[in-house]
Amino acid sequence: MTSRVTFVSAATSPSLRQARFYDGDSVDDGGAARARSAAGSLPSPARVATSPSTRCRETAVALGLDVVQTPELRGLDVGRWRGRTLDEVAAAEPEAVGHWLADPGWAAHGGESVRDVCERVGRWLDAVRDTDGRTLAVVEPEVVRAAVVHVLGLPASAFWRLDVPPLTATELTGRAGRWNLRLGQPPATSDTVSAR
């Protein structure tokens, strides 16, 4: 039995463009247009999973997918930093940001630690590994990072060293108790299809 999980990161939103901790905003017009252009280009899934955030739900709809909210795939809870830019937080709480970036177990912002999100996503992946067929999951970038940390057995400190661009696909294949990883394939859009 082979299980495939394709993670598609959410399309762009104002908070992403402004390096602001996600506050529930919608995808922007450009992100929605790119997602609509990629609709139908992804492999057909047996199951769909979606982070419960607005931008993930909207990305899934624009991709022509059903919205199946999966709480285990929610983004990293940053507590009191929600809605603020990283620069604002770094200016107001430089030591806290330093701890957050250096210590995966730190969560004094009142939210969740990087280690916690890696473990949560890892538990979900371990459960999905025992299912046959493809799962397509539209998720926040930090969920993709957590999945990669988990499947490669990386230390949680590697989390911040993984870049996940908007509207890109990361594929995992699980079989015989292990995962293989295929990184960062952008979904085909009408622009790339016509160029072939």
N, C-alpha and C. Protein backbone atom coordinates (compact mmCIF):
# COMPACT_ATOMS: atom_id res chain seq x y z
N MET A 1 0.85 -1.18 0.00
CA MET A 1 0.00 0.00 0.00
C MET A 1 0.89 1.24 0.00
N THR A 2 0.57 2.19 -0.86
CA THR A 2 1.31 3.45 -0.94
C THR A 2 0.37 4.60 -0.65
N SER A 3 0.79 5.45 0.25
CA SER A 3 0.04 6.65 0.56
C SER A 3 0.80 7.85 0.02
N ARG A 4 0.09 8.73 -0.66
CA ARG A 4 0.71 9.95 -1.18
C ARG A 4 -0.01 11.14 -0.56
N VAL A 5 0.78 12.08 -0.09
CA VAL A 5 0.23 13.32 0.44
C VAL A 5 0.87 14.46 -0.32
N THR A 6 0.05 15.26 -0.97
CA THR A 6 0.53 16.46 -1.65
C THR A 6 0.05 17.66 -0.86
N PHE A 7 1.00 18.39 -0.29
CA PHE A 7 0.68 19.63 0.42
C PHE A 7 0.77 20.77 -0.58
N VAL A 8 -0.26 21.58 -0.65
CA VAL A 8 -0.25 22.80 -1.46
C VAL A 8 -0.33 23.97 -0.49
N SER A 9 0.67 24.84 -0.55
CA SER A 9 0.66 26.00 0.35
C SER A 9 -0.35 27.03 -0.14
N ALA A 10 -0.90 27.77 0.81
CA ALA A 10 -1.94 28.76 0.52
C ALA A 10 -1.45 29.82 -0.47
N ALA A 11 -2.38 30.36 -1.22
CA ALA A 11 -2.07 31.48 -2.12
C ALA A 11 -1.75 32.73 -1.29
N THR A 12 -1.21 33.73 -1.95
CA THR A 12 -0.79 34.94 -1.25
C THR A 12 -1.98 35.70 -0.66
N SER A 13 -1.68 36.37 0.43
CA SER A 13 -2.66 37.23 1.11
C SER A 13 -1.90 38.47 1.58
N PRO A 14 -2.61 39.55 1.95
CA PRO A 14 -1.91 40.74 2.42
C PRO A 14 -0.96 40.46 3.59
N SER A 15 -1.35 39.62 4.54
CA SER A 15 -0.47 39.36 5.67
C SER A 15 0.83 38.69 5.22
N LEU A 16 0.74 37.80 4.26
CA LEU A 16 1.93 37.14 3.76
C LEU A 16 2.85 38.14 3.05
N ARG A 17 2.27 39.00 2.24
CA ARG A 17 3.07 40.00 1.53
C ARG A 17 3.72 41.00 2.48
N GLN A 18 3.09 41.27 3.61
CA GLN A 18 3.60 42.26 4.57
C GLN A 18 4.44 41.64 5.68
N ALA A 19 4.73 40.34 5.61
CA ALA A 19 5.46 39.61 6.65
C ALA A 19 4.79 39.83 8.01
N ARG A 20 3.46 39.71 7.98
CA ARG A 20 2.66 39.89 9.19
C ARG A 20 2.16 38.53 9.63
N PHE A 21 2.20 38.27 10.93
CA PHE A 21 1.67 37.01 11.44
C PHE A 21 0.20 36.92 11.06
N TYR A 22 -0.16 35.80 10.52
CA TYR A 22 -1.49 35.62 9.93
C TYR A 22 -2.59 36.00 10.92
N ASP A 23 -3.54 36.78 10.41
CA ASP A 23 -4.64 37.27 11.26
C ASP A 23 -6.02 36.95 10.69
N GLY A 24 -6.07 36.00 9.76
CA GLY A 24 -7.37 35.59 9.23
C GLY A 24 -7.77 36.26 7.93
N ASP A 25 -6.85 36.98 7.28
CA ASP A 25 -7.23 37.68 6.05
C ASP A 25 -7.43 36.71 4.89
N SER A 26 -8.07 37.23 3.85
CA SER A 26 -8.38 36.46 2.64
C SER A 26 -7.20 36.49 1.68
N VAL A 27 -7.22 35.56 0.72
CA VAL A 27 -6.21 35.62 -0.34
C VAL A 27 -6.42 36.90 -1.13
N ASP A 28 -5.32 37.43 -1.69
CA ASP A 28 -5.46 38.65 -2.49
C ASP A 28 -5.86 38.27 -3.91
N ASP A 29 -6.17 39.27 -4.72
CA ASP A 29 -6.67 39.02 -6.08
C ASP A 29 -5.66 38.23 -6.92
N GLY A 30 -4.38 38.58 -6.81
CA GLY A 30 -3.36 37.87 -7.57
C GLY A 30 -3.24 36.41 -7.15
N GLY A 31 -3.28 36.17 -5.85
CA GLY A 31 -3.21 34.79 -5.35
C GLY A 31 -4.40 33.97 -5.78
N ALA A 32 -5.59 34.58 -5.73
CA ALA A 32 -6.80 33.87 -6.15
C ALA A 32 -6.74 33.55 -7.64
N ALA A 33 -6.25 34.49 -8.44
CA ALA A 33 -6.16 34.27 -9.89
C ALA A 33 -5.17 33.15 -10.20
N ARG A 34 -4.03 33.12 -9.52
CA ARG A 34 -3.05 32.04 -9.73
C ARG A 34 -3.64 30.69 -9.35
N ALA A 35 -4.37 30.65 -8.24
CA ALA A 35 -4.98 29.39 -7.81
C ALA A 35 -6.03 28.93 -8.82
N ARG A 36 -6.87 29.85 -9.30
CA ARG A 36 -7.88 29.47 -10.31
C ARG A 36 -7.20 28.96 -11.58
N SER A 37 -6.08 29.57 -11.93
CA SER A 37 -5.34 29.16 -13.12
C SER A 37 -4.77 27.74 -12.96
N ALA A 38 -4.47 27.36 -11.72
CA ALA A 38 -3.90 26.03 -11.45
C ALA A 38 -4.97 24.97 -11.24
N ALA A 39 -6.24 25.38 -11.18
CA ALA A 39 -7.33 24.42 -10.95
C ALA A 39 -7.29 23.33 -12.00
N GLY A 40 -7.42 22.11 -11.56
CA GLY A 40 -7.42 20.98 -12.47
C GLY A 40 -6.04 20.45 -12.82
N SER A 41 -4.98 21.13 -12.39
CA SER A 41 -3.63 20.68 -12.73
C SER A 41 -3.04 19.73 -11.70
N LEU A 42 -3.66 19.65 -10.54
CA LEU A 42 -3.14 18.78 -9.48
C LEU A 42 -3.65 17.36 -9.68
N PRO A 43 -2.90 16.38 -9.18
CA PRO A 43 -3.36 14.99 -9.31
C PRO A 43 -4.70 14.81 -8.58
N SER A 44 -5.52 13.93 -9.11
CA SER A 44 -6.83 13.68 -8.48
C SER A 44 -6.63 12.98 -7.14
N PRO A 45 -7.21 13.56 -6.08
CA PRO A 45 -7.03 12.96 -4.76
C PRO A 45 -8.16 12.01 -4.39
N ALA A 46 -7.84 11.07 -3.52
CA ALA A 46 -8.87 10.24 -2.90
C ALA A 46 -9.51 11.02 -1.76
N ARG A 47 -8.72 11.89 -1.15
CA ARG A 47 -9.16 12.70 0.00
C ARG A 47 -8.60 14.12 -0.12
N VAL A 48 -9.34 15.09 0.42
CA VAL A 48 -8.87 16.47 0.50
C VAL A 48 -8.88 16.87 1.97
N ALA A 49 -7.84 17.58 2.37
CA ALA A 49 -7.76 18.13 3.73
C ALA A 49 -7.38 19.59 3.59
N THR A 50 -7.89 20.43 4.47
CA THR A 50 -7.63 21.86 4.39
C THR A 50 -7.37 22.43 5.78
N SER A 51 -6.31 23.24 5.89
CA SER A 51 -6.14 24.00 7.13
C SER A 51 -7.40 24.84 7.32
N PRO A 52 -7.83 25.07 8.57
CA PRO A 52 -9.07 25.79 8.77
C PRO A 52 -9.00 27.30 8.52
N SER A 53 -7.86 27.84 8.13
CA SER A 53 -7.72 29.28 7.93
C SER A 53 -8.51 29.74 6.71
N THR A 54 -8.88 31.00 6.70
CA THR A 54 -9.61 31.59 5.59
C THR A 54 -8.84 31.45 4.29
N ARG A 55 -7.54 31.79 4.31
CA ARG A 55 -6.80 31.77 3.04
C ARG A 55 -6.63 30.36 2.50
N CYS A 56 -6.55 29.35 3.37
CA CYS A 56 -6.46 27.96 2.88
C CYS A 56 -7.79 27.50 2.30
N ARG A 57 -8.88 27.83 2.98
CA ARG A 57 -10.20 27.47 2.45
C ARG A 57 -10.42 28.15 1.10
N GLU A 58 -10.08 29.43 0.99
CA GLU A 58 -10.27 30.15 -0.28
C GLU A 58 -9.35 29.61 -1.37
N THR A 59 -8.14 29.23 -1.01
CA THR A 59 -7.23 28.64 -2.00
C THR A 59 -7.80 27.33 -2.51
N ALA A 60 -8.31 26.49 -1.60
CA ALA A 60 -8.91 25.21 -2.01
C ALA A 60 -10.07 25.44 -2.96
N VAL A 61 -10.94 26.38 -2.65
CA VAL A 61 -12.08 26.68 -3.52
C VAL A 61 -11.60 27.15 -4.89
N ALA A 62 -10.60 28.04 -4.91
CA ALA A 62 -10.08 28.54 -6.18
C ALA A 62 -9.43 27.42 -7.00
N LEU A 63 -8.87 26.42 -6.32
CA LEU A 63 -8.28 25.27 -7.00
C LEU A 63 -9.35 24.26 -7.46
N GLY A 64 -10.61 24.53 -7.11
CA GLY A 64 -11.70 23.63 -7.50
C GLY A 64 -11.83 22.42 -6.60
N LEU A 65 -11.33 22.51 -5.37
CA LEU A 65 -11.37 21.39 -4.43
C LEU A 65 -12.47 21.60 -3.41
N ASP A 66 -12.94 20.50 -2.85
CA ASP A 66 -13.85 20.59 -1.71
C ASP A 66 -13.07 21.11 -0.51
N VAL A 67 -13.74 21.82 0.34
CA VAL A 67 -13.11 22.31 1.57
C VAL A 67 -13.45 21.33 2.68
N VAL A 68 -12.43 20.61 3.15
CA VAL A 68 -12.59 19.67 4.24
C VAL A 68 -11.64 20.13 5.35
N GLN A 69 -12.17 20.92 6.27
CA GLN A 69 -11.32 21.48 7.31
C GLN A 69 -10.77 20.38 8.22
N THR A 70 -9.47 20.45 8.45
CA THR A 70 -8.78 19.45 9.25
C THR A 70 -8.04 20.18 10.36
N PRO A 71 -8.59 20.19 11.58
CA PRO A 71 -8.00 20.97 12.67
C PRO A 71 -6.53 20.63 12.94
N GLU A 72 -6.13 19.38 12.73
CA GLU A 72 -4.74 18.99 12.98
C GLU A 72 -3.77 19.72 12.05
N LEU A 73 -4.28 20.25 10.93
CA LEU A 73 -3.44 20.94 9.96
C LEU A 73 -3.53 22.45 10.07
N ARG A 74 -4.02 22.95 11.21
CA ARG A 74 -4.08 24.41 11.39
C ARG A 74 -2.67 24.98 11.46
N GLY A 75 -2.55 26.26 11.16
CA GLY A 75 -1.25 26.92 11.22
C GLY A 75 -0.75 27.09 12.64
N LEU A 76 0.48 27.54 12.75
CA LEU A 76 1.12 27.77 14.04
C LEU A 76 0.43 28.90 14.77
N ASP A 77 -0.01 28.66 15.99
CA ASP A 77 -0.66 29.68 16.82
C ASP A 77 0.43 30.55 17.44
N VAL A 78 0.46 31.83 17.05
CA VAL A 78 1.50 32.74 17.55
C VAL A 78 0.99 33.64 18.67
N GLY A 79 -0.15 33.30 19.25
CA GLY A 79 -0.64 34.00 20.43
C GLY A 79 -0.80 35.49 20.22
N ARG A 80 -0.21 36.27 21.13
CA ARG A 80 -0.40 37.73 21.11
C ARG A 80 0.27 38.42 19.93
N TRP A 81 1.08 37.72 19.15
CA TRP A 81 1.73 38.31 17.99
C TRP A 81 0.83 38.33 16.75
N ARG A 82 -0.27 37.66 16.82
CA ARG A 82 -1.17 37.57 15.66
C ARG A 82 -1.50 38.96 15.13
N GLY A 83 -1.38 39.14 13.81
CA GLY A 83 -1.72 40.40 13.16
C GLY A 83 -0.61 41.43 13.15
N ARG A 84 0.48 41.18 13.85
CA ARG A 84 1.61 42.13 13.90
C ARG A 84 2.69 41.68 12.93
N THR A 85 3.48 42.63 12.42
CA THR A 85 4.58 42.24 11.54
C THR A 85 5.74 41.73 12.40
N LEU A 86 6.59 40.95 11.78
CA LEU A 86 7.77 40.45 12.49
C LEU A 86 8.64 41.62 12.94
N ASP A 87 8.76 42.66 12.11
CA ASP A 87 9.55 43.84 12.51
C ASP A 87 8.96 44.52 13.74
N GLU A 88 7.63 44.63 13.80
CA GLU A 88 6.99 45.23 14.98
C GLU A 88 7.27 44.42 16.24
N VAL A 89 7.14 43.13 16.12
CA VAL A 89 7.37 42.27 17.28
C VAL A 89 8.84 42.31 17.68
N ALA A 90 9.74 42.27 16.70
CA ALA A 90 11.18 42.31 17.00
C ALA A 90 11.57 43.61 17.67
N ALA A 91 10.94 44.72 17.29
CA ALA A 91 11.24 46.00 17.93
C ALA A 91 10.72 46.06 19.35
N ALA A 92 9.54 45.49 19.57
CA ALA A 92 8.91 45.54 20.90
C ALA A 92 9.44 44.46 21.84
N GLU A 93 9.76 43.29 21.28
CA GLU A 93 10.16 42.14 22.11
C GLU A 93 11.36 41.42 21.47
N PRO A 94 12.51 42.09 21.37
CA PRO A 94 13.64 41.46 20.67
C PRO A 94 14.11 40.16 21.31
N GLU A 95 14.12 40.09 22.62
CA GLU A 95 14.57 38.86 23.27
C GLU A 95 13.59 37.72 23.02
N ALA A 96 12.31 38.03 23.02
CA ALA A 96 11.30 37.01 22.79
C ALA A 96 11.43 36.43 21.38
N VAL A 97 11.63 37.30 20.38
CA VAL A 97 11.79 36.82 19.01
C VAL A 97 13.05 35.96 18.91
N GLY A 98 14.11 36.38 19.56
CA GLY A 98 15.34 35.58 19.57
C GLY A 98 15.11 34.20 20.15
N HIS A 99 14.40 34.12 21.27
CA HIS A 99 14.09 32.82 21.87
C HIS A 99 13.23 31.97 20.92
N TRP A 100 12.24 32.61 20.32
CA TRP A 100 11.31 31.91 19.44
C TRP A 100 12.04 31.29 18.24
N LEU A 101 12.98 32.04 17.68
CA LEU A 101 13.71 31.54 16.51
C LEU A 101 14.78 30.51 16.87
N ALA A 102 15.28 30.56 18.10
CA ALA A 102 16.37 29.68 18.51
C ALA A 102 15.92 28.43 19.26
N ASP A 103 14.79 28.53 19.95
CA ASP A 103 14.35 27.42 20.81
C ASP A 103 13.00 26.89 20.33
N PRO A 104 12.98 25.71 19.69
CA PRO A 104 11.72 25.18 19.15
C PRO A 104 10.67 24.88 20.20
N GLY A 105 11.06 24.81 21.47
CA GLY A 105 10.10 24.54 22.54
C GLY A 105 9.52 25.79 23.16
N TRP A 106 9.95 26.97 22.72
CA TRP A 106 9.54 28.24 23.33
C TRP A 106 8.16 28.65 22.81
N ALA A 107 7.28 29.06 23.74
CA ALA A 107 5.94 29.50 23.35
C ALA A 107 5.43 30.59 24.30
N ALA A 108 6.33 31.42 24.77
CA ALA A 108 5.91 32.45 25.73
C ALA A 108 5.08 33.57 25.09
N HIS A 109 4.85 33.52 23.79
CA HIS A 109 3.95 34.49 23.14
C HIS A 109 2.50 34.15 23.42
N GLY A 110 2.28 33.03 24.11
CA GLY A 110 0.92 32.63 24.46
C GLY A 110 0.28 31.71 23.45
N GLY A 111 1.04 31.27 22.49
CA GLY A 111 0.51 30.37 21.47
C GLY A 111 1.12 28.99 21.59
N GLU A 112 1.62 28.49 20.48
CA GLU A 112 2.11 27.13 20.39
C GLU A 112 3.58 27.16 19.98
N SER A 113 4.35 26.21 20.45
CA SER A 113 5.76 26.15 20.08
C SER A 113 5.92 25.49 18.72
N VAL A 114 7.07 25.71 18.10
CA VAL A 114 7.40 25.05 16.84
C VAL A 114 7.41 23.54 17.05
N ARG A 115 7.95 23.09 18.16
CA ARG A 115 7.97 21.64 18.44
C ARG A 115 6.55 21.09 18.49
N ASP A 116 5.64 21.85 19.13
CA ASP A 116 4.24 21.40 19.22
C ASP A 116 3.61 21.23 17.84
N VAL A 117 3.82 22.19 16.94
CA VAL A 117 3.21 22.09 15.61
C VAL A 117 3.84 20.94 14.82
N CYS A 118 5.15 20.71 14.99
CA CYS A 118 5.81 19.58 14.31
C CYS A 118 5.24 18.26 14.80
N GLU A 119 5.02 18.14 16.10
CA GLU A 119 4.45 16.90 16.65
C GLU A 119 3.01 16.70 16.20
N ARG A 120 2.22 17.78 16.18
CA ARG A 120 0.82 17.68 15.78
C ARG A 120 0.69 17.23 14.32
N VAL A 121 1.46 17.87 13.44
CA VAL A 121 1.42 17.51 12.02
C VAL A 121 1.99 16.10 11.82
N GLY A 122 3.01 15.75 12.60
CA GLY A 122 3.59 14.40 12.52
C GLY A 122 2.58 13.32 12.88
N ARG A 123 1.78 13.56 13.91
CA ARG A 123 0.75 12.58 14.29
C ARG A 123 -0.26 12.41 13.16
N TRP A 124 -0.66 13.52 12.53
CA TRP A 124 -1.60 13.44 11.41
C TRP A 124 -0.99 12.63 10.26
N LEU A 125 0.27 12.91 9.93
CA LEU A 125 0.93 12.18 8.85
C LEU A 125 1.04 10.69 9.16
N ASP A 126 1.38 10.36 10.38
CA ASP A 126 1.50 8.95 10.75
C ASP A 126 0.18 8.22 10.57
N ALA A 127 -0.93 8.89 10.85
CA ALA A 127 -2.25 8.28 10.66
C ALA A 127 -2.57 8.14 9.18
N VAL A 128 -2.21 9.13 8.36
CA VAL A 128 -2.51 9.10 6.92
C VAL A 128 -1.63 8.09 6.20
N ARG A 129 -0.45 7.82 6.74
CA ARG A 129 0.47 6.89 6.08
C ARG A 129 -0.15 5.51 5.88
N ASP A 130 -1.11 5.16 6.71
CA ASP A 130 -1.76 3.85 6.63
C ASP A 130 -2.98 3.84 5.72
N THR A 131 -3.17 4.89 4.93
CA THR A 131 -4.30 4.93 3.99
C THR A 131 -3.76 4.84 2.57
N ASP A 132 -4.48 4.18 1.72
CA ASP A 132 -4.06 4.02 0.33
C ASP A 132 -4.58 5.20 -0.48
N GLY A 133 -3.85 5.59 -1.50
CA GLY A 133 -4.28 6.66 -2.38
C GLY A 133 -3.69 8.00 -2.01
N ARG A 134 -4.14 9.03 -2.72
CA ARG A 134 -3.57 10.37 -2.57
C ARG A 134 -4.46 11.26 -1.70
N THR A 135 -3.79 11.97 -0.79
CA THR A 135 -4.44 13.02 -0.01
C THR A 135 -3.87 14.35 -0.50
N LEU A 136 -4.74 15.26 -0.84
CA LEU A 136 -4.32 16.60 -1.24
C LEU A 136 -4.69 17.53 -0.10
N ALA A 137 -3.70 18.24 0.44
CA ALA A 137 -3.93 19.09 1.61
C ALA A 137 -3.50 20.52 1.30
N VAL A 138 -4.43 21.46 1.40
CA VAL A 138 -4.13 22.89 1.23
C VAL A 138 -3.88 23.45 2.62
N VAL A 139 -2.65 23.91 2.84
CA VAL A 139 -2.22 24.22 4.20
C VAL A 139 -1.38 25.50 4.28
N GLU A 140 -1.18 25.94 5.51
CA GLU A 140 -0.29 27.07 5.78
C GLU A 140 1.16 26.63 5.57
N PRO A 141 2.06 27.56 5.24
CA PRO A 141 3.46 27.18 5.00
C PRO A 141 4.12 26.47 6.18
N GLU A 142 3.76 26.85 7.39
CA GLU A 142 4.40 26.22 8.55
C GLU A 142 3.99 24.76 8.71
N VAL A 143 2.84 24.38 8.16
CA VAL A 143 2.43 22.98 8.19
C VAL A 143 3.33 22.17 7.25
N VAL A 144 3.66 22.73 6.10
CA VAL A 144 4.59 22.05 5.19
C VAL A 144 5.95 21.89 5.86
N ARG A 145 6.44 22.96 6.50
CA ARG A 145 7.72 22.87 7.21
C ARG A 145 7.68 21.76 8.26
N ALA A 146 6.62 21.73 9.05
CA ALA A 146 6.49 20.72 10.11
C ALA A 146 6.46 19.31 9.52
N ALA A 147 5.79 19.14 8.39
CA ALA A 147 5.73 17.83 7.75
C ALA A 147 7.11 17.38 7.29
N VAL A 148 7.87 18.29 6.69
CA VAL A 148 9.21 17.95 6.22
C VAL A 148 10.12 17.61 7.40
N VAL A 149 10.05 18.39 8.47
CA VAL A 149 10.83 18.09 9.67
C VAL A 149 10.50 16.68 10.16
N HIS A 150 9.23 16.34 10.18
CA HIS A 150 8.81 15.04 10.68
C HIS A 150 9.28 13.89 9.80
N VAL A 151 9.01 13.98 8.50
CA VAL A 151 9.30 12.83 7.64
C VAL A 151 10.80 12.59 7.46
N LEU A 152 11.60 13.64 7.55
CA LEU A 152 13.04 13.47 7.41
C LEU A 152 13.74 13.23 8.75
N GLY A 153 12.97 13.29 9.84
CA GLY A 153 13.56 13.10 11.16
C GLY A 153 14.53 14.21 11.52
N LEU A 154 14.26 15.42 11.03
CA LEU A 154 15.12 16.56 11.32
C LEU A 154 14.85 17.08 12.72
N PRO A 155 15.82 17.76 13.32
CA PRO A 155 15.53 18.43 14.59
C PRO A 155 14.55 19.57 14.34
N ALA A 156 13.71 19.85 15.31
CA ALA A 156 12.72 20.93 15.16
C ALA A 156 13.39 22.27 14.87
N SER A 157 14.66 22.42 15.23
CA SER A 157 15.37 23.67 14.96
C SER A 157 15.55 23.91 13.46
N ALA A 158 15.38 22.89 12.61
CA ALA A 158 15.48 23.05 11.16
C ALA A 158 14.24 23.72 10.56
N PHE A 159 13.17 23.81 11.33
CA PHE A 159 11.90 24.36 10.87
C PHE A 159 12.06 25.69 10.15
N TRP A 160 12.81 26.63 10.72
CA TRP A 160 12.95 27.97 10.15
C TRP A 160 13.88 28.01 8.95
N ARG A 161 14.54 26.91 8.65
CA ARG A 161 15.46 26.90 7.52
C ARG A 161 14.80 26.37 6.25
N LEU A 162 13.51 26.12 6.31
CA LEU A 162 12.75 25.62 5.17
C LEU A 162 11.85 26.72 4.63
N ASP A 163 12.04 27.10 3.40
CA ASP A 163 11.20 28.13 2.78
C ASP A 163 10.10 27.45 1.97
N VAL A 164 8.88 27.95 2.13
CA VAL A 164 7.73 27.39 1.42
C VAL A 164 7.02 28.54 0.69
N PRO A 165 7.26 28.70 -0.59
CA PRO A 165 6.60 29.77 -1.34
C PRO A 165 5.09 29.53 -1.45
N PRO A 166 4.33 30.59 -1.66
CA PRO A 166 2.89 30.45 -1.83
C PRO A 166 2.55 29.61 -3.06
N LEU A 167 1.48 28.85 -2.93
CA LEU A 167 0.91 28.06 -4.02
C LEU A 167 1.93 27.14 -4.69
N THR A 168 2.70 26.44 -3.85
CA THR A 168 3.61 25.41 -4.34
C THR A 168 3.21 24.07 -3.73
N ALA A 169 3.58 23.01 -4.42
CA ALA A 169 3.23 21.66 -3.96
C ALA A 169 4.46 20.94 -3.45
N THR A 170 4.29 20.24 -2.34
CA THR A 170 5.33 19.39 -1.76
C THR A 170 4.72 18.01 -1.60
N GLU A 171 5.35 17.01 -2.19
CA GLU A 171 4.76 15.68 -2.19
C GLU A 171 5.53 14.71 -1.30
N LEU A 172 4.78 13.94 -0.54
CA LEU A 172 5.32 12.87 0.30
C LEU A 172 4.71 11.56 -0.17
N THR A 173 5.54 10.53 -0.20
CA THR A 173 5.07 9.19 -0.52
C THR A 173 5.44 8.28 0.63
N GLY A 174 4.44 7.62 1.21
CA GLY A 174 4.68 6.74 2.35
C GLY A 174 4.44 5.29 2.01
N ARG A 175 5.41 4.46 2.39
CA ARG A 175 5.29 3.03 2.18
C ARG A 175 6.30 2.34 3.09
N ALA A 176 5.91 1.19 3.60
CA ALA A 176 6.80 0.36 4.41
C ALA A 176 7.36 1.13 5.61
N GLY A 177 6.52 1.96 6.22
CA GLY A 177 6.92 2.65 7.45
C GLY A 177 7.84 3.84 7.26
N ARG A 178 8.00 4.33 6.05
CA ARG A 178 8.85 5.50 5.85
C ARG A 178 8.24 6.40 4.79
N TRP A 179 8.72 7.61 4.75
CA TRP A 179 8.26 8.60 3.79
C TRP A 179 9.41 8.98 2.85
N ASN A 180 9.09 9.27 1.62
CA ASN A 180 10.01 9.92 0.69
C ASN A 180 9.45 11.29 0.38
N LEU A 181 10.32 12.22 0.03
CA LEU A 181 9.94 13.62 -0.13
C LEU A 181 10.30 14.13 -1.51
N ARG A 182 9.33 14.82 -2.12
CA ARG A 182 9.56 15.53 -3.38
C ARG A 182 9.20 16.98 -3.13
N LEU A 183 10.14 17.88 -3.27
CA LEU A 183 9.97 19.27 -2.84
C LEU A 183 9.48 20.21 -3.92
N GLY A 184 8.67 21.18 -3.51
CA GLY A 184 8.37 22.44 -4.17
C GLY A 184 8.03 22.46 -5.64
N GLN A 185 7.14 21.61 -6.09
CA GLN A 185 6.68 21.67 -7.46
C GLN A 185 5.50 22.63 -7.56
N PRO A 186 5.61 23.72 -8.33
CA PRO A 186 4.44 24.59 -8.46
C PRO A 186 3.37 23.91 -9.28
N PRO A 187 2.10 24.05 -8.89
CA PRO A 187 1.04 23.51 -9.73
C PRO A 187 1.10 24.16 -11.11
N ALA A 188 0.78 23.41 -12.13
CA ALA A 188 0.77 23.96 -13.48
C ALA A 188 -0.34 25.01 -13.58
N THR A 189 -0.06 26.09 -14.24
CA THR A 189 -1.06 27.12 -14.49
C THR A 189 -1.29 27.21 -15.98
N SER A 190 -2.27 27.97 -16.38
CA SER A 190 -2.53 28.11 -17.82
C SER A 190 -1.32 28.69 -18.53
N ASP A 191 -0.50 29.52 -17.82
CA ASP A 191 0.71 30.08 -18.44
C ASP A 191 1.73 28.99 -18.72
N THR A 192 1.95 28.06 -17.75
CA THR A 192 2.96 27.03 -17.95
C THR A 192 2.45 25.95 -18.91
N VAL A 193 1.15 25.67 -18.90
CA VAL A 193 0.60 24.67 -19.81
C VAL A 193 0.73 25.14 -21.25
N SER A 194 0.43 26.42 -21.52
CA SER A 194 0.51 26.92 -22.90
C SER A 194 1.94 27.03 -23.38
N ALA A 195 2.91 27.11 -22.45
CA ALA A 195 4.32 27.22 -22.84
C ALA A 195 4.92 25.86 -23.19
N ARG A 196 4.23 24.76 -22.86
CA ARG A 196 4.78 23.42 -23.12
C ARG A 196 4.71 23.02 -24.57
